[in-house]
């Protein structure tokens, strides 16, 4: 295990929030970042105006994150202007140049999603991918599904390369029940580790996308803290 990881605290982001009460519940639980989906085809998408309104509820040191999928530069700049201090998350087919141009234009850091096949993890060279996006603040590890994320499916964490020269964000099918195992398996593989959850803390039911469950949020945060205690013991 890398020395810098040995006593680290796993950062937590909850993504796909659409309601003020869910933002408040996440903040109360102690998360580090809140994600707003600005991709209209997503069931969890919010308008730019709604994202800005929800972001204004955040206290200092809780970071808003704006998720884009193959968005235009104009749209990205408008969103960054509407949500001061937001981190940019590129979750589509954006090239390293696309990401860097947008990040520079907005004067904001960005993270880039790597979409990892669930059954053939090795088909994506994560070391090469991370090197290509070496200006990213972190590489987000999500499961390749139809569409762009939010499928609630995991990939095989144990097949990730042992050493990636980037900060990593583990995503894709995380729940209060499995996030501890994910952290234990992935923590040492990058410069640091954060986790990102969406469907795993939502209400049950087919129409619950974007509607978070306060109890599941608390369970998720508690499971992450338990993993940290286990690793740092």
Protein backbone atom coordinates (compact mmCIF):
# COMPACT_ATOMS: atom_id res chain seq x y z
CA UNK A 1 0.00 0.00 0.00
CA UNK A 2 1.26 3.47 -0.84
CA UNK A 3 2.39 5.36 2.24
CA UNK A 4 0.22 8.33 1.34
CA UNK A 5 -2.84 6.05 1.28
CA UNK A 6 -2.17 4.32 4.58
CA UNK A 7 -4.04 6.79 6.80
CA UNK A 8 -6.24 8.51 4.23
CA UNK A 9 -9.92 9.40 4.54
CA UNK A 10 -12.06 8.24 1.64
CA UNK A 11 -13.91 11.20 0.13
CA UNK A 12 -17.59 10.72 -0.67
CA UNK A 13 -19.66 12.10 -3.53
CA UNK A 14 -23.36 11.52 -4.00
CA UNK A 15 -24.51 12.09 -7.55
CA UNK A 16 -27.80 12.60 -9.32
CA UNK A 17 -29.53 14.72 -6.68
CA UNK A 18 -32.72 16.45 -7.72
CA UNK A 19 -34.43 17.56 -4.49
CA UNK A 20 -33.49 20.12 -1.80
CA UNK A 21 -34.21 17.67 1.02
CA UNK A 22 -31.79 15.14 -0.46
CA UNK A 23 -29.04 17.75 -0.73
CA UNK A 24 -29.63 18.65 2.91
CA UNK A 25 -29.58 14.99 3.97
CA UNK A 26 -26.30 14.36 2.17
CA UNK A 27 -24.69 17.41 3.74
CA UNK A 28 -25.95 16.36 7.17
CA UNK A 29 -24.45 12.89 6.66
CA UNK A 30 -21.04 14.44 6.00
CA UNK A 31 -20.40 13.94 2.31
CA UNK A 32 -17.68 15.89 0.52
CA UNK A 33 -19.33 16.52 -2.85
CA UNK A 34 -22.75 16.65 -4.49
CA UNK A 35 -23.25 15.83 -8.16
CA UNK A 36 -25.80 17.37 -10.50
CA UNK A 37 -26.50 15.68 -13.83
CA UNK A 38 -26.70 18.15 -16.73
CA UNK A 39 -27.37 15.52 -19.38
CA UNK A 40 -31.01 15.83 -20.49
CA UNK A 41 -31.57 12.17 -21.52
CA UNK A 42 -30.76 11.01 -17.98
CA UNK A 43 -33.64 10.25 -15.62
CA UNK A 44 -31.66 12.13 -12.97
CA UNK A 45 -31.07 15.25 -15.05
CA UNK A 46 -31.83 18.69 -13.67
CA UNK A 47 -31.97 22.01 -15.45
CA UNK A 48 -29.11 24.44 -15.09
CA UNK A 49 -31.37 26.70 -13.03
CA UNK A 50 -32.26 23.81 -10.69
CA UNK A 51 -28.63 22.82 -10.29
CA UNK A 52 -27.70 26.38 -9.38
CA UNK A 53 -30.55 26.55 -6.87
CA UNK A 54 -29.59 23.26 -5.23
CA UNK A 55 -25.91 24.19 -5.15
CA UNK A 56 -26.72 27.34 -3.19
CA UNK A 57 -27.79 25.11 -0.31
CA UNK A 58 -24.27 23.75 0.10
CA UNK A 59 -22.16 24.98 3.02
CA UNK A 60 -18.46 25.81 2.65
CA UNK A 61 -16.16 22.90 1.81
CA UNK A 62 -18.88 20.75 0.21
CA UNK A 63 -18.13 20.80 -3.51
CA UNK A 64 -20.78 20.93 -6.23
CA UNK A 65 -19.95 18.76 -9.25
CA UNK A 66 -21.51 19.29 -12.68
CA UNK A 67 -21.79 16.16 -14.81
CA UNK A 68 -21.67 16.58 -18.60
CA UNK A 69 -21.95 14.09 -21.44
CA UNK A 70 -20.56 15.32 -24.76
CA UNK A 71 -21.74 18.85 -23.99
CA UNK A 72 -20.87 21.95 -26.02
CA UNK A 73 -18.30 24.36 -24.70
CA UNK A 74 -20.94 27.09 -24.48
CA UNK A 75 -23.15 24.92 -22.28
CA UNK A 76 -20.25 23.99 -20.02
CA UNK A 77 -19.24 27.63 -19.62
CA UNK A 78 -22.81 28.69 -18.85
CA UNK A 79 -23.09 25.99 -16.21
CA UNK A 80 -19.76 26.84 -14.61
CA UNK A 81 -20.78 30.49 -14.43
CA UNK A 82 -24.13 29.58 -12.84
CA UNK A 83 -22.58 27.32 -10.19
CA UNK A 84 -19.49 29.04 -8.73
CA UNK A 85 -16.81 26.73 -7.46
CA UNK A 86 -18.18 23.65 -9.20
CA UNK A 87 -15.93 20.82 -10.33
CA UNK A 88 -16.49 19.61 -13.90
CA UNK A 89 -17.14 15.91 -14.55
CA UNK A 90 -16.92 14.63 -18.10
CA UNK A 91 -18.78 11.37 -18.49
CA UNK A 92 -19.04 10.94 -22.25
CA UNK A 93 -16.65 10.54 -25.15
CA UNK A 94 -14.71 13.74 -24.53
CA UNK A 95 -11.08 13.65 -25.64
CA UNK A 96 -8.26 14.87 -23.40
CA UNK A 97 -8.15 18.03 -25.53
CA UNK A 98 -11.92 18.55 -25.17
CA UNK A 99 -11.66 18.29 -21.39
CA UNK A 100 -8.66 20.56 -21.13
CA UNK A 101 -10.15 23.24 -23.39
CA UNK A 102 -13.34 23.31 -21.32
CA UNK A 103 -11.49 23.27 -18.00
CA UNK A 104 -9.23 26.11 -19.11
CA UNK A 105 -12.13 28.16 -20.47
CA UNK A 106 -13.98 27.79 -17.16
CA UNK A 107 -10.86 27.98 -14.96
CA UNK A 108 -12.08 24.87 -13.13
CA UNK A 109 -10.54 21.47 -12.44
CA UNK A 110 -12.15 18.41 -13.97
CA UNK A 111 -12.52 14.69 -13.49
CA UNK A 112 -12.95 12.20 -16.35
CA UNK A 113 -14.97 9.01 -16.26
CA UNK A 114 -13.40 5.79 -17.50
CA UNK A 115 -16.20 3.43 -18.56
CA UNK A 116 -15.03 -0.06 -17.65
CA UNK A 117 -16.65 -3.19 -19.12
CA UNK A 118 -18.26 -5.32 -16.41
CA UNK A 119 -17.23 -8.65 -17.94
CA UNK A 120 -13.97 -7.72 -19.68
CA UNK A 121 -12.27 -5.22 -17.41
CA UNK A 122 -8.90 -5.76 -19.06
CA UNK A 123 -10.18 -4.44 -22.40
CA UNK A 124 -9.65 -0.90 -21.11
CA UNK A 125 -6.00 -0.02 -20.43
CA UNK A 126 -6.58 2.15 -17.36
CA UNK A 127 -2.91 3.09 -16.99
CA UNK A 128 -2.86 4.38 -20.57
CA UNK A 129 -6.25 6.07 -20.11
CA UNK A 130 -5.09 7.88 -16.97
CA UNK A 131 -1.89 8.96 -18.69
CA UNK A 132 -3.93 10.39 -21.59
CA UNK A 133 -6.02 12.44 -19.16
CA UNK A 134 -3.10 13.44 -16.97
CA UNK A 135 -4.50 16.95 -16.48
CA UNK A 136 -7.61 15.57 -14.79
CA UNK A 137 -7.91 16.00 -11.04
CA UNK A 138 -9.06 12.37 -10.86
CA UNK A 139 -10.20 9.44 -12.97
CA UNK A 140 -13.66 8.16 -12.12
CA UNK A 141 -14.09 4.41 -12.55
CA UNK A 142 -17.60 3.61 -13.73
CA UNK A 143 -19.18 0.54 -15.27
CA UNK A 144 -19.80 0.55 -19.00
CA UNK A 145 -23.58 0.30 -19.53
CA UNK A 146 -26.01 1.31 -22.24
CA UNK A 147 -26.15 5.07 -22.13
CA UNK A 148 -23.77 6.91 -19.82
CA UNK A 149 -23.62 5.71 -16.22
CA UNK A 150 -26.24 5.35 -13.54
CA UNK A 151 -26.88 1.69 -14.34
CA UNK A 152 -26.29 0.39 -10.82
CA UNK A 153 -23.85 -2.27 -12.02
CA UNK A 154 -20.38 -3.07 -10.72
CA UNK A 155 -17.29 -4.21 -12.60
CA UNK A 156 -14.60 -6.57 -11.34
CA UNK A 157 -12.57 -4.36 -9.00
CA UNK A 158 -9.86 -6.98 -8.52
CA UNK A 159 -8.94 -6.75 -12.23
CA UNK A 160 -7.85 -3.12 -11.97
CA UNK A 161 -4.12 -2.53 -12.43
CA UNK A 162 -2.14 -2.42 -9.19
CA UNK A 163 -0.70 1.05 -9.72
CA UNK A 164 -2.31 3.99 -11.51
CA UNK A 165 -0.64 7.40 -11.35
CA UNK A 166 -3.91 9.29 -10.77
CA UNK A 167 -6.33 9.99 -7.99
CA UNK A 168 -9.20 7.54 -8.41
CA UNK A 169 -12.95 7.76 -7.78
CA UNK A 170 -14.68 4.38 -7.51
CA UNK A 171 -18.21 4.36 -8.90
CA UNK A 172 -20.63 1.99 -10.58
CA UNK A 173 -23.10 -0.04 -8.55
CA UNK A 174 -21.86 0.96 -5.11
CA UNK A 175 -24.22 0.40 -2.16
CA UNK A 176 -23.92 0.49 1.62
CA UNK A 177 -23.45 -3.29 1.44
CA UNK A 178 -20.49 -3.42 -0.97
CA UNK A 179 -18.65 -0.11 -0.66
CA UNK A 180 -16.38 -1.38 2.13
CA UNK A 181 -15.12 -4.22 -0.08
CA UNK A 182 -14.61 -1.79 -2.94
CA UNK A 183 -12.53 0.56 -0.85
CA UNK A 184 -10.38 -2.26 0.53
CA UNK A 185 -9.71 -3.61 -2.98
CA UNK A 186 -9.08 -0.32 -4.77
CA UNK A 187 -7.61 2.05 -2.16
CA UNK A 188 -3.97 1.19 -2.83
CA UNK A 189 -4.21 1.24 -6.63
CA UNK A 190 -4.12 5.02 -7.13
CA UNK A 191 -2.74 8.15 -5.53
CA UNK A 192 -5.91 8.37 -3.40
CA UNK A 193 -9.45 7.04 -3.46
CA UNK A 194 -12.88 8.62 -3.35
CA UNK A 195 -16.26 6.95 -3.90
CA UNK A 196 -19.26 8.10 -5.92
CA UNK A 197 -22.76 6.70 -5.43
CA UNK A 198 -26.10 7.40 -7.09
CA UNK A 199 -28.56 4.53 -7.53
CA UNK A 200 -27.22 2.75 -4.43
CA UNK A 201 -28.75 5.36 -2.12
CA UNK A 202 -32.06 5.87 -3.90
CA UNK A 203 -35.57 4.96 -2.83
CA UNK A 204 -36.84 1.58 -3.97
CA UNK A 205 -39.07 1.38 -7.01
CA UNK A 206 -38.89 1.84 -10.78
CA UNK A 207 -39.70 5.57 -10.63
CA UNK A 208 -37.18 6.42 -7.90
CA UNK A 209 -34.25 7.59 -10.05
CA UNK A 210 -33.01 10.86 -8.61
CA UNK A 211 -34.94 10.40 -5.35
CA UNK A 212 -32.53 9.64 -2.54
CA UNK A 213 -33.18 7.68 0.65
CA UNK A 214 -31.91 9.48 3.76
CA UNK A 215 -31.37 6.21 5.65
CA UNK A 216 -29.36 4.70 2.78
CA UNK A 217 -27.21 7.85 2.58
CA UNK A 218 -26.37 7.52 6.28
CA UNK A 219 -25.67 3.80 5.89
CA UNK A 220 -23.39 4.47 2.95
CA UNK A 221 -21.37 7.11 4.80
CA UNK A 222 -21.08 4.84 7.83
CA UNK A 223 -19.86 1.97 5.66
CA UNK A 224 -17.18 4.18 4.10
CA UNK A 225 -15.99 5.31 7.51
CA UNK A 226 -15.92 1.68 8.67
CA UNK A 227 -13.73 0.81 5.70
CA UNK A 228 -11.33 3.62 6.56
CA UNK A 229 -11.10 2.43 10.15
CA UNK A 230 -10.45 -1.13 8.96
CA UNK A 231 -7.67 -0.07 6.61
CA UNK A 232 -6.08 2.45 8.96
CA UNK A 233 -6.15 0.18 12.03
